PDB file of N, CA and C in Angstrom:
ATOM      1  N   MET A   1      36.634 -36.620  75.393  1.00  0.00           N
ATOM      2  CA  MET A   1      35.383 -36.189  75.978  1.00  0.00           C
ATOM      3  C   MET A   1      35.351 -36.588  77.451  1.00  0.00           C
ATOM      4  N   HIS A   2      34.885 -35.695  78.302  1.00  0.00           N
ATOM      5  CA  HIS A   2      34.820 -35.961  79.745  1.00  0.00           C
ATOM      6  C   HIS A   2      33.712 -36.958  80.053  1.00  0.00           C
ATOM      7  N   GLN A   3      34.066 -37.985  80.823  1.00  0.00           N
ATOM      8  CA  GLN A   3      33.085 -38.976  81.268  1.00  0.00           C
ATOM      9  C   GLN A   3      32.964 -38.852  82.780  1.00  0.00           C
ATOM     10  N   SER A   4      31.848 -38.325  83.230  1.00  0.00           N
ATOM     11  CA  SER A   4      31.690 -38.042  84.657  1.00  0.00           C
ATOM     12  C   SER A   4      31.753 -39.303  85.507  1.00  0.00           C
ATOM     13  N   GLN A   5      31.302 -40.434  84.993  1.00  0.00           N
ATOM     14  CA  GLN A   5      31.334 -41.671  85.774  1.00  0.00           C
ATOM     15  C   GLN A   5      32.765 -42.126  86.042  1.00  0.00           C
ATOM     16  N   ALA A   6      33.709 -41.703  85.206  1.00  0.00           N
ATOM     17  CA  ALA A   6      35.112 -42.055  85.413  1.00  0.00           C
ATOM     18  C   ALA A   6      35.729 -41.205  86.523  1.00  0.00           C
ATOM     19  N   HIS A   7      35.057 -40.138  86.917  1.00  0.00           N
ATOM     20  CA  HIS A   7      35.549 -39.227  87.957  1.00  0.00           C
ATOM     21  C   HIS A   7      34.451 -38.999  88.989  1.00  0.00           C
ATOM     22  N   PRO A   8      34.161 -39.997  89.821  1.00  0.00           N
ATOM     23  CA  PRO A   8      33.034 -39.863  90.755  1.00  0.00           C
ATOM     24  C   PRO A   8      33.189 -38.731  91.757  1.00  0.00           C
ATOM     25  N   ASN A   9      34.425 -38.283  92.018  1.00  0.00           N
ATOM     26  CA  ASN A   9      34.600 -37.181  92.967  1.00  0.00           C
ATOM     27  C   ASN A   9      34.035 -35.872  92.436  1.00  0.00           C
ATOM     28  N   MET A  10      33.823 -35.791  91.138  1.00  0.00           N
ATOM     29  CA  MET A  10      33.279 -34.575  90.541  1.00  0.00           C
ATOM     30  C   MET A  10      31.748 -34.553  90.574  1.00  0.00           C
ATOM     31  N   ILE A  11      31.127 -35.656  90.957  1.00  0.00           N
ATOM     32  CA  ILE A  11      29.672 -35.738  90.980  1.00  0.00           C
ATOM     33  C   ILE A  11      29.208 -35.548  92.420  1.00  0.00           C
ATOM     34  N   PRO A  12      28.556 -34.427  92.734  1.00  0.00           N
ATOM     35  CA  PRO A  12      28.163 -34.168  94.127  1.00  0.00           C
ATOM     36  C   PRO A  12      27.293 -35.257  94.730  1.00  0.00           C
ATOM     37  N   ASP A  13      26.490 -35.940  93.909  1.00  0.00           N
ATOM     38  CA  ASP A  13      25.623 -36.985  94.451  1.00  0.00           C
ATOM     39  C   ASP A  13      26.399 -38.230  94.856  1.00  0.00           C
ATOM     40  N   LEU A  14      27.591 -38.429  94.306  1.00  0.00           N
ATOM     41  CA  LEU A  14      28.369 -39.627  94.613  1.00  0.00           C
ATOM     42  C   LEU A  14      29.450 -39.379  95.654  1.00  0.00           C
ATOM     43  N   ALA A  15      30.000 -38.199  95.687  1.00  0.00           N
ATOM     44  CA  ALA A  15      31.101 -37.922  96.612  1.00  0.00           C
ATOM     45  C   ALA A  15      31.197 -36.416  96.829  1.00  0.00           C
ATOM     46  N   GLY A  16      32.165 -36.029  97.605  1.00  0.00           N
ATOM     47  CA  GLY A  16      32.378 -34.613  97.842  1.00  0.00           C
ATOM     48  C   GLY A  16      31.356 -34.035  98.791  1.00  0.00           C
ATOM     49  N   ARG A  17      30.977 -32.789  98.568  1.00  0.00           N
ATOM     50  CA  ARG A  17      30.087 -32.086  99.479  1.00  0.00           C
ATOM     51  C   ARG A  17      28.613 -32.324  99.161  1.00  0.00           C
ATOM     52  N   GLY A  18      28.316 -33.304  98.352  1.00  0.00           N
ATOM     53  CA  GLY A  18      26.935 -33.657  98.083  1.00  0.00           C
ATOM     54  C   GLY A  18      26.326 -34.486  99.193  1.00  0.00           C
ATOM     55  N   ARG A  19      27.142 -34.866 100.170  1.00  0.00           N
ATOM     56  CA  ARG A  19      26.679 -35.680 101.299  1.00  0.00           C
ATOM     57  C   ARG A  19      27.050 -34.999 102.609  1.00  0.00           C
ATOM     58  N   ARG A  20      26.409 -35.442 103.659  1.00  0.00           N
ATOM     59  CA  ARG A  20      26.726 -34.931 104.994  1.00  0.00           C
ATOM     60  C   ARG A  20      28.182 -35.270 105.323  1.00  0.00           C
ATOM     61  N   TYR A  21      28.900 -34.342 105.943  1.00  0.00           N
ATOM     62  CA  TYR A  21      30.285 -34.588 106.320  1.00  0.00           C
ATOM     63  C   TYR A  21      30.541 -34.039 107.716  1.00  0.00           C
ATOM     64  N   VAL A  22      31.573 -34.560 108.355  1.00  0.00           N
ATOM     65  CA  VAL A  22      31.854 -34.203 109.748  1.00  0.00           C
ATOM     66  C   VAL A  22      32.625 -32.890 109.828  1.00  0.00           C
ATOM     67  N   LEU A  23      32.453 -32.198 110.930  1.00  0.00           N
ATOM     68  CA  LEU A  23      33.150 -30.941 111.201  1.00  0.00           C
ATOM     69  C   LEU A  23      34.021 -31.106 112.438  1.00  0.00           C
ATOM     70  N   ASN A  24      34.926 -30.161 112.642  1.00  0.00           N
ATOM     71  CA  ASN A  24      35.768 -30.090 113.845  1.00  0.00           C
ATOM     72  C   ASN A  24      36.607 -31.342 114.061  1.00  0.00           C
ATOM     73  N   THR A  25      37.150 -31.902 113.010  1.00  0.00           N
ATOM     74  CA  THR A  25      38.012 -33.074 113.149  1.00  0.00           C
ATOM     75  C   THR A  25      39.362 -32.639 113.698  1.00  0.00           C
ATOM     76  N   THR A  26      39.775 -33.245 114.803  1.00  0.00           N
ATOM     77  CA  THR A  26      41.083 -32.936 115.382  1.00  0.00           C
ATOM     78  C   THR A  26      42.018 -34.129 115.351  1.00  0.00           C
ATOM     79  N   ALA A  27      41.489 -35.325 115.108  1.00  0.00           N
ATOM     80  CA  ALA A  27      42.334 -36.523 115.069  1.00  0.00           C
ATOM     81  C   ALA A  27      41.727 -37.536 114.105  1.00  0.00           C
ATOM     82  N   ILE A  28      42.596 -38.229 113.412  1.00  0.00           N
ATOM     83  CA  ILE A  28      42.182 -39.337 112.556  1.00  0.00           C
ATOM     84  C   ILE A  28      42.879 -40.571 113.100  1.00  0.00           C
ATOM     85  N   ARG A  29      42.102 -41.537 113.552  1.00  0.00           N
ATOM     86  CA  ARG A  29      42.658 -42.731 114.185  1.00  0.00           C
ATOM     87  C   ARG A  29      42.213 -43.974 113.433  1.00  0.00           C
ATOM     88  N   PRO A  30      43.168 -44.813 113.056  1.00  0.00           N
ATOM     89  CA  PRO A  30      42.765 -46.083 112.435  1.00  0.00           C
ATOM     90  C   PRO A  30      42.144 -46.996 113.488  1.00  0.00           C
ATOM     91  N   VAL A  31      41.097 -47.668 113.114  1.00  0.00           N
ATOM     92  CA  VAL A  31      40.396 -48.561 114.039  1.00  0.00           C
ATOM     93  C   VAL A  31      40.322 -49.932 113.403  1.00  0.00           C
ATOM     94  N   ARG A  32      40.645 -50.956 114.171  1.00  0.00           N
ATOM     95  CA  ARG A  32      40.550 -52.325 113.680  1.00  0.00           C
ATOM     96  C   ARG A  32      39.288 -52.957 114.246  1.00  0.00           C
ATOM     97  N   LEU A  33      38.393 -53.385 113.358  1.00  0.00           N
ATOM     98  CA  LEU A  33      37.119 -53.951 113.776  1.00  0.00           C
ATOM     99  C   LEU A  33      37.064 -55.435 113.455  1.00  0.00           C
ATOM    100  N   ASP A  34      36.442 -56.194 114.345  1.00  0.00           N
ATOM    101  CA  ASP A  34      36.158 -57.593 114.022  1.00  0.00           C
ATOM    102  C   ASP A  34      34.837 -57.626 113.255  1.00  0.00           C
ATOM    103  N   ALA A  35      34.442 -58.808 112.815  1.00  0.00           N
ATOM    104  CA  ALA A  35      33.240 -58.929 111.980  1.00  0.00           C
ATOM    105  C   ALA A  35      31.989 -58.444 112.715  1.00  0.00           C
ATOM    106  N   ASN A  36      31.850 -58.770 113.991  1.00  0.00           N
ATOM    107  CA  ASN A  36      30.666 -58.353 114.755  1.00  0.00           C
ATOM    108  C   ASN A  36      30.614 -56.839 114.933  1.00  0.00           C
ATOM    109  N   SER A  37      31.750 -56.231 115.230  1.00  0.00           N
ATOM    110  CA  SER A  37      31.791 -54.776 115.411  1.00  0.00           C
ATOM    111  C   SER A  37      31.507 -54.057 114.104  1.00  0.00           C
ATOM    112  N   ASP A  38      32.047 -54.575 113.007  1.00  0.00           N
ATOM    113  CA  ASP A  38      31.811 -53.961 111.706  1.00  0.00           C
ATOM    114  C   ASP A  38      30.335 -54.053 111.331  1.00  0.00           C
ATOM    115  N   ALA A  39      29.733 -55.216 111.571  1.00  0.00           N
ATOM    116  CA  ALA A  39      28.305 -55.380 111.277  1.00  0.00           C
ATOM    117  C   ALA A  39      27.467 -54.438 112.142  1.00  0.00           C
ATOM    118  N   ALA A  40      27.838 -54.289 113.410  1.00  0.00           N
ATOM    119  CA  ALA A  40      27.110 -53.384 114.304  1.00  0.00           C
ATOM    120  C   ALA A  40      27.241 -51.936 113.833  1.00  0.00           C
ATOM    121  N   LEU A  41      28.439 -51.545 113.402  1.00  0.00           N
ATOM    122  CA  LEU A  41      28.652 -50.183 112.916  1.00  0.00           C
ATOM    123  C   LEU A  41      27.821 -49.914 111.664  1.00  0.00           C
ATOM    124  N   LEU A  42      27.813 -50.858 110.732  1.00  0.00           N
ATOM    125  CA  LEU A  42      27.028 -50.675 109.511  1.00  0.00           C
ATOM    126  C   LEU A  42      25.529 -50.644 109.810  1.00  0.00           C
ATOM    127  N   TRP A  43      25.078 -51.449 110.773  1.00  0.00           N
ATOM    128  CA  TRP A  43      23.667 -51.442 111.165  1.00  0.00           C
ATOM    129  C   TRP A  43      23.299 -50.091 111.776  1.00  0.00           C
ATOM    130  N   LEU A  44      24.153 -49.595 112.690  1.00  0.00           N
ATOM    131  CA  LEU A  44      23.899 -48.289 113.300  1.00  0.00           C
ATOM    132  C   LEU A  44      23.860 -47.194 112.243  1.00  0.00           C
ATOM    133  N   LYS A  45      24.799 -47.248 111.319  1.00  0.00           N
ATOM    134  CA  LYS A  45      24.855 -46.252 110.245  1.00  0.00           C
ATOM    135  C   LYS A  45      23.554 -46.262 109.444  1.00  0.00           C
ATOM    136  N   ALA A  46      23.067 -47.445 109.102  1.00  0.00           N
ATOM    137  CA  ALA A  46      21.832 -47.553 108.324  1.00  0.00           C
ATOM    138  C   ALA A  46      20.627 -47.047 109.120  1.00  0.00           C
ATOM    139  N   GLN A  47      20.563 -47.385 110.405  1.00  0.00           N
ATOM    140  CA  GLN A  47      19.420 -46.981 111.224  1.00  0.00           C
ATOM    141  C   GLN A  47      19.396 -45.478 111.470  1.00  0.00           C
ATOM    142  N   LEU A  48      20.559 -44.865 111.593  1.00  0.00           N
ATOM    143  CA  LEU A  48      20.641 -43.448 111.944  1.00  0.00           C
ATOM    144  C   LEU A  48      20.679 -42.518 110.738  1.00  0.00           C
ATOM    145  N   SER A  49      20.735 -43.065 109.538  1.00  0.00           N
ATOM    146  CA  SER A  49      20.766 -42.235 108.334  1.00  0.00           C
ATOM    147  C   SER A  49      19.408 -41.607 108.087  1.00  0.00           C
ATOM    148  N   GLY A  50      19.437 -40.475 107.401  1.00  0.00           N
ATOM    149  CA  GLY A  50      18.202 -39.777 107.064  1.00  0.00           C
ATOM    150  C   GLY A  50      17.506 -40.413 105.872  1.00  0.00           C
ATOM    151  N   PRO A  51      16.391 -39.829 105.467  1.00  0.00           N
ATOM    152  CA  PRO A  51      15.602 -40.414 104.381  1.00  0.00           C
ATOM    153  C   PRO A  51      16.254 -40.292 103.003  1.00  0.00           C
ATOM    154  N   THR A  52      17.156 -39.326 102.827  1.00  0.00           N
ATOM    155  CA  THR A  52      17.817 -39.169 101.531  1.00  0.00           C
ATOM    156  C   THR A  52      19.245 -39.671 101.607  1.00  0.00           C
ATOM    157  N   GLN A  53      19.790 -40.021 100.450  1.00  0.00           N
ATOM    158  CA  GLN A  53      21.153 -40.542 100.415  1.00  0.00           C
ATOM    159  C   GLN A  53      22.163 -39.489 100.870  1.00  0.00           C
ATOM    160  N   SER A  54      21.883 -38.218 100.590  1.00  0.00           N
ATOM    161  CA  SER A  54      22.816 -37.171 100.992  1.00  0.00           C
ATOM    162  C   SER A  54      22.818 -36.943 102.499  1.00  0.00           C
ATOM    163  N   ASP A  55      21.813 -37.455 103.201  1.00  0.00           N
ATOM    164  CA  ASP A  55      21.727 -37.289 104.657  1.00  0.00           C
ATOM    165  C   ASP A  55      22.121 -38.571 105.386  1.00  0.00           C
ATOM    166  N   SER A  56      23.008 -39.351 104.790  1.00  0.00           N
ATOM    167  CA  SER A  56      23.419 -40.598 105.442  1.00  0.00           C
ATOM    168  C   SER A  56      24.395 -40.298 106.571  1.00  0.00           C
ATOM    169  N   ALA A  57      24.291 -41.053 107.634  1.00  0.00           N
ATOM    170  CA  ALA A  57      25.212 -40.909 108.770  1.00  0.00           C
ATOM    171  C   ALA A  57      26.501 -41.642 108.427  1.00  0.00           C
ATOM    172  N   SER A  58      27.611 -40.952 108.482  1.00  0.00           N
ATOM    173  CA  SER A  58      28.887 -41.597 108.170  1.00  0.00           C
ATOM    174  C   SER A  58      29.348 -42.432 109.357  1.00  0.00           C
ATOM    175  N   CYS A  59      30.288 -43.317 109.090  1.00  0.00           N
ATOM    176  CA  CYS A  59      30.869 -44.113 110.177  1.00  0.00           C
ATOM    177  C   CYS A  59      31.507 -43.196 111.212  1.00  0.00           C
ATOM    178  N   SER A  60      32.128 -42.113 110.762  1.00  0.00           N
ATOM    179  CA  SER A  60      32.754 -41.172 111.694  1.00  0.00           C
ATOM    180  C   SER A  60      31.729 -40.564 112.643  1.00  0.00           C
ATOM    181  N   LEU A  61      30.577 -40.184 112.111  1.00  0.00           N
ATOM    182  CA  LEU A  61      29.538 -39.604 112.970  1.00  0.00           C
ATOM    183  C   LEU A  61      29.045 -40.607 113.998  1.00  0.00           C
ATOM    184  N   VAL A  62      28.841 -41.844 113.563  1.00  0.00           N
ATOM    185  CA  VAL A  62      28.361 -42.883 114.475  1.00  0.00           C
ATOM    186  C   VAL A  62      29.402 -43.163 115.553  1.00  0.00           C
ATOM    187  N   VAL A  63      30.667 -43.275 115.159  1.00  0.00           N
ATOM    188  CA  VAL A  63      31.726 -43.579 116.129  1.00  0.00           C
ATOM    189  C   VAL A  63      31.904 -42.428 117.110  1.00  0.00           C
ATOM    190  N   ARG A  64      31.849 -41.195 116.643  1.00  0.00           N
ATOM    191  CA  ARG A  64      31.956 -40.046 117.552  1.00  0.00           C
ATOM    192  C   ARG A  64      30.897 -40.123 118.651  1.00  0.00           C
ATOM    193  N   ARG A  65      29.669 -40.361 118.239  1.00  0.00           N
ATOM    194  CA  ARG A  65      28.572 -40.430 119.214  1.00  0.00           C
ATOM    195  C   ARG A  65      28.744 -41.618 120.147  1.00  0.00           C
ATOM    196  N   ALA A  66      29.122 -42.769 119.587  1.00  0.00           N
ATOM    197  CA  ALA A  66      29.285 -43.979 120.397  1.00  0.00           C
ATOM    198  C   ALA A  66      30.384 -43.802 121.440  1.00  0.00           C
ATOM    199  N   VAL A  67      31.473 -43.152 121.077  1.00  0.00           N
ATOM    200  CA  VAL A  67      32.575 -42.949 122.027  1.00  0.00           C
ATOM    201  C   VAL A  67      32.129 -42.036 123.166  1.00  0.00           C
ATOM    202  N   ARG A  68      31.381 -40.991 122.846  1.00  0.00           N
ATOM    203  CA  ARG A  68      30.888 -40.099 123.913  1.00  0.00           C
ATOM    204  C   ARG A  68      29.949 -40.837 124.857  1.00  0.00           C
ATOM    205  N   LEU A  69      29.057 -41.660 124.314  1.00  0.00           N
ATOM    206  CA  LEU A  69      28.150 -42.437 125.167  1.00  0.00           C
ATOM    207  C   LEU A  69      28.912 -43.460 125.998  1.00  0.00           C
ATOM    208  N   TYR A  70      29.906 -44.095 125.395  1.00  0.00           N
ATOM    209  CA  TYR A  70      30.685 -45.106 126.107  1.00  0.00           C
ATOM    210  C   TYR A  70      31.487 -44.467 127.243  1.00  0.00           C
ATOM    211  N   GLN A  71      31.972 -43.258 127.035  1.00  0.00           N
ATOM    212  CA  GLN A  71      32.693 -42.560 128.103  1.00  0.00           C
ATOM    213  C   GLN A  71      31.785 -42.363 129.316  1.00  0.00           C
ATOM    214  N   ARG A  72      30.546 -41.961 129.087  1.00  0.00           N
ATOM    215  CA  ARG A  72      29.597 -41.799 130.199  1.00  0.00           C
ATOM    216  C   ARG A  72      29.318 -43.133 130.879  1.00  0.00           C
ATOM    217  N   HIS A  73      29.200 -44.178 130.078  1.00  0.00           N
ATOM    218  CA  HIS A  73      28.933 -45.513 130.624  1.00  0.00           C
ATOM    219  C   HIS A  73      30.076 -45.959 131.539  1.00  0.00           C
ATOM    220  N   VAL A  74      31.309 -45.820 131.077  1.00  0.00           N
ATOM    221  CA  VAL A  74      32.464 -46.235 131.889  1.00  0.00           C
ATOM    222  C   VAL A  74      32.565 -45.369 133.143  1.00  0.00           C
ATOM    223  N   ALA A  75      32.300 -44.090 133.034  1.00  0.00           N
ATOM    224  CA  ALA A  75      32.324 -43.213 134.212  1.00  0.00           C
ATOM    225  C   ALA A  75      31.305 -43.673 135.250  1.00  0.00           C
ATOM    226  N   SER A  76      30.151 -44.140 134.799  1.00  0.00           N
ATOM    227  CA  SER A  76      29.146 -44.628 135.755  1.00  0.00           C
ATOM    228  C   SER A  76      29.571 -45.951 136.392  1.00  0.00           C
ATOM    229  N   LEU A  77      30.379 -46.738 135.691  1.00  0.00           N
ATOM    230  CA  LEU A  77      30.851 -48.014 136.242  1.00  0.00           C
ATOM    231  C   LEU A  77      31.903 -47.828 137.330  1.00  0.00           C
ATOM    232  N   LEU A  78      32.537 -46.682 137.385  1.00  0.00           N
ATOM    233  CA  LEU A  78      33.587 -46.447 138.382  1.00  0.00           C
ATOM    234  C   LEU A  78      33.059 -46.551 139.810  1.00  0.00           C
ATOM    235  N   ALA A  79      31.767 -46.373 139.997  1.00  0.00           N
ATOM    236  CA  ALA A  79      31.176 -46.474 141.337  1.00  0.00           C
ATOM    237  C   ALA A  79      31.183 -47.910 141.854  1.00  0.00           C
ATOM    238  N   ASP A  80      31.142 -48.884 140.967  1.00  0.00           N
ATOM    239  CA  ASP A  80      31.142 -50.305 141.348  1.00  0.00           C
ATOM    240  C   ASP A  80      32.394 -50.956 140.769  1.00  0.00           C
ATOM    241  N   ARG A  81      33.363 -51.209 141.629  1.00  0.00           N
ATOM    242  CA  ARG A  81      34.668 -51.720 141.179  1.00  0.00           C
ATOM    243  C   ARG A  81      34.549 -53.036 140.409  1.00  0.00           C
ATOM    244  N   ARG A  82      33.640 -53.913 140.816  1.00  0.00           N
ATOM    245  CA  ARG A  82      33.483 -55.207 140.147  1.00  0.00           C
ATOM    246  C   ARG A  82      32.989 -55.023 138.711  1.00  0.00           C
ATOM    247  N   LEU A  83      31.982 -54.171 138.544  1.00  0.00           N
ATOM    248  CA  LEU A  83      31.476 -53.902 137.199  1.00  0.00           C
ATOM    249  C   LEU A  83      32.541 -53.248 136.324  1.00  0.00           C
ATOM    250  N   PHE A  84      33.312 -52.350 136.930  1.00  0.00           N
ATOM    251  CA  PHE A  84      34.384 -51.692 136.180  1.00  0.00           C
ATOM    252  C   PHE A  84      35.441 -52.701 135.734  1.00  0.00           C
ATOM    253  N   GLU A  85      35.838 -53.604 136.623  1.00  0.00           N
ATOM    254  CA  GLU A  85      36.832 -54.626 136.259  1.00  0.00           C
ATOM    255  C   GLU A  85      36.292 -55.570 135.189  1.00  0.00           C
ATOM    256  N   ASP A  86      35.000 -55.898 135.272  1.00  0.00           N
ATOM    257  CA  ASP A  86      34.384 -56.723 134.224  1.00  0.00           C
ATOM    258  C   ASP A  86      34.474 -56.023 132.867  1.00  0.00           C
ATOM    259  N   GLU A  87      34.239 -54.726 132.869  1.00  0.00           N
ATOM    260  CA  GLU A  87      34.315 -53.962 131.616  1.00  0.00           C
ATOM    261  C   GLU A  87      35.752 -53.897 131.100  1.00  0.00           C
ATOM    262  N   ARG A  88      36.703 -53.735 132.005  1.00  0.00           N
ATOM    263  CA  ARG A  88      38.113 -53.726 131.581  1.00  0.00           C
ATOM    264  C   ARG A  88      38.484 -55.027 130.896  1.00  0.00           C
ATOM    265  N   GLN A  89      37.992 -56.140 131.419  1.00  0.00           N
ATOM    266  CA  GLN A  89      38.267 -57.441 130.797  1.00  0.00           C
ATOM    267  C   GLN A  89      37.522 -57.583 129.469  1.00  0.00           C
ATOM    268  N   ALA A  90      36.292 -57.105 129.413  1.00  0.00           N
ATOM    269  CA  ALA A  90      35.505 -57.208 128.182  1.00  0.00           C
ATOM    270  C   ALA A  90      36.158 -56.430 127.038  1.00  0.00           C
ATOM    271  N   VAL A  91      36.739 -55.279 127.353  1.00  0.00           N
ATOM    272  CA  VAL A  91      37.413 -54.474 126.330  1.00  0.00           C
ATOM    273  C   VAL A  91      38.612 -55.220 125.754  1.00  0.00           C
ATOM    274  N   ARG A  92      39.235 -56.049 126.557  1.00  0.00           N
ATOM    275  CA  ARG A  92      40.447 -56.744 126.128  1.00  0.00           C
ATOM    276  C   ARG A  92      40.173 -58.072 125.412  1.00  0.00           C
ATOM    277  N   GLN A  93      38.913 -58.420 125.208  1.00  0.00           N
ATOM    278  CA  GLN A  93      38.606 -59.655 124.484  1.00  0.00           C
ATOM    279  C   GLN A  93      39.187 -59.577 123.079  1.00  0.00           C
ATOM    280  N   LEU A  94      39.567 -60.722 122.552  1.00  0.00           N
ATOM    281  CA  LEU A  94      40.136 -60.843 121.213  1.00  0.00           C
ATOM    282  C   LEU A  94      41.394 -59.995 121.036  1.00  0.00           C
ATOM    283  N   SER A  95      42.207 -59.922 122.080  1.00  0.00           N
ATOM    284  CA  SER A  95      43.494 -59.236 121.987  1.00  0.00           C
ATOM    285  C   SER A  95      44.517 -60.031 122.778  1.00  0.00           C
ATOM    286  N   ARG A  96      45.769 -59.708 122.584  1.00  0.00           N
ATOM    287  CA  ARG A  96      46.816 -60.338 123.388  1.00  0.00           C
ATOM    288  C   ARG A  96      47.986 -59.379 123.528  1.00  0.00           C
ATOM    289  N   LEU A  97      48.720 -59.582 124.593  1.00  0.00           N
ATOM    290  CA  LEU A  97      49.917 -58.787 124.832  1.00  0.00           C
ATOM    291  C   LEU A  97      51.062 -59.340 123.997  1.00  0.00           C
ATOM    292  N   PRO A  98      51.999 -58.495 123.605  1.00  0.00           N
ATOM    293  CA  PRO A  98      53.161 -59.009 122.876  1.00  0.00           C
ATOM    294  C   PRO A  98      54.038 -59.844 123.799  1.00  0.00           C
ATOM    295  N   ASN A  99      54.826 -60.715 123.216  1.00  0.00           N
ATOM    296  CA  ASN A  99      55.762 -61.537 123.973  1.00  0.00           C
ATOM    297  C   ASN A  99      56.946 -60.656 124.366  1.00  0.00           C
ATOM    298  N   LEU A 100      56.963 -60.202 125.618  1.00  0.00           N
ATOM    299  CA  LEU A 100      57.994 -59.258 126.054  1.00  0.00           C
ATOM    300  C   LEU A 100      59.378 -59.887 126.073  1.00  0.00           C
ATOM    301  N   GLN A 101      59.476 -61.168 126.396  1.00  0.00           N
ATOM    302  CA  GLN A 101      60.783 -61.825 126.385  1.00  0.00           C
ATOM    303  C   GLN A 101      61.370 -61.801 124.983  1.00  0.00           C
ATOM    304  N   ARG A 102      60.550 -62.061 123.994  1.00  0.00           N
ATOM    305  CA  ARG A 102      61.019 -62.057 122.613  1.00  0.00           C
ATOM    306  C   ARG A 102      61.470 -60.653 122.212  1.00  0.00           C
ATOM    307  N   GLN A 103      60.714 -59.619 122.621  1.00  0.00           N
ATOM    308  CA  GLN A 103      61.075 -58.244 122.311  1.00  0.00           C
ATOM    309  C   GLN A 103      62.423 -57.883 122.932  1.00  0.00           C
ATOM    310  N   ARG A 104      62.636 -58.299 124.177  1.00  0.00           N
ATOM    311  CA  ARG A 104      63.903 -57.992 124.840  1.00  0.00           C
ATOM    312  C   ARG A 104      65.063 -58.667 124.128  1.00  0.00           C
ATOM    313  N   GLY A 105      64.836 -59.881 123.641  1.00  0.00           N
ATOM    314  CA  GLY A 105      65.874 -60.580 122.888  1.00  0.00           C
ATOM    315  C   GLY A 105      66.223 -59.838 121.609  1.00  0.00           C
ATOM    316  N   LYS A 106      65.235 -59.302 120.930  1.00  0.00           N
ATOM    317  CA  LYS A 106      65.479 -58.524 119.715  1.00  0.00           C
ATOM    318  C   LYS A 106      66.293 -57.277 120.036  1.00  0.00           C
ATOM    319  N   GLU A 107      65.942 -56.613 121.149  1.00  0.00           N
ATOM    320  CA  GLU A 107      66.664 -55.403 121.541  1.00  0.00           C
ATOM    321  C   GLU A 107      68.125 -55.716 121.828  1.00  0.00           C
ATOM    322  N   ARG A 108      68.386 -56.831 122.524  1.00  0.00           N
ATOM    323  CA  ARG A 108      69.773 -57.215 122.816  1.00  0.00           C
ATOM    324  C   ARG A 108      70.544 -57.472 121.529  1.00  0.00           C
ATOM    325  N   ARG A 109      69.927 -58.200 120.605  1.00  0.00           N
ATOM    326  CA  ARG A 109      70.605 -58.504 119.343  1.00  0.00           C
ATOM    327  C   ARG A 109      70.898 -57.230 118.560  1.00  0.00           C
ATOM    328  N   LEU A 110      69.972 -56.277 118.590  1.00  0.00           N
ATOM    329  CA  LEU A 110      70.198 -55.015 117.889  1.00  0.00           C
ATOM    330  C   LEU A 110      71.342 -54.229 118.524  1.00  0.00           C
ATOM    331  N   ARG A 111      71.394 -54.219 119.860  1.00  0.00           N
ATOM    332  CA  ARG A 111      72.482 -53.507 120.540  1.00  0.00           C
ATOM    333  C   ARG A 111      73.827 -54.126 120.208  1.00  0.00           C
ATOM    334  N   LYS A 112      73.891 -55.463 120.188  1.00  0.00           N
ATOM    335  CA  LYS A 112      75.147 -56.143 119.863  1.00  0.00           C
ATOM    336  C   LYS A 112      75.558 -55.862 118.426  1.00  0.00           C
ATOM    337  N   ALA A 113      74.588 -55.825 117.531  1.00  0.00           N
ATOM    338  CA  ALA A 113      74.892 -55.608 116.115  1.00  0.00           C
ATOM    339  C   ALA A 113      75.395 -54.193 115.861  1.00  0.00           C
ATOM    340  N   THR A 114      74.903 -53.215 116.616  1.00  0.00           N
ATOM    341  CA  THR A 114      75.321 -51.830 116.400  1.00  0.00           C
ATOM    342  C   THR A 114      76.559 -51.467 117.205  1.00  0.00           C
ATOM    343  N   ALA A 115      76.924 -52.293 118.182  1.00  0.00           N
ATOM    344  CA  ALA A 115      78.090 -51.978 119.026  1.00  0.00           C
ATOM    345  C   ALA A 115      79.388 -52.323 118.341  1.00  0.00           C
TER     346      ALA A 115
END
């Protein structure tokens, strides 16, 4: 006997086209979020969702809008070099560059091993 709860994709209210979905997707990009960014995204999603569950704003919709707004913000910062440089540094928080010396050593070892 078919049990619909075992197949949530078949229930329009739980998945599939029973909810709002994005159109015109041209790229799918993995995004790594820290705890603060994830909490902010979930808060935005909750605030921007409609009154019914089927009208919920997806993370994709929120991120699409946020990226467009951020592009305008950065474009406006280009007029003031100091503000732009501050933003460049802020974007790089909680990141680091790879150890290039170590990478070069790996490349040398690989070349020797294949030669």
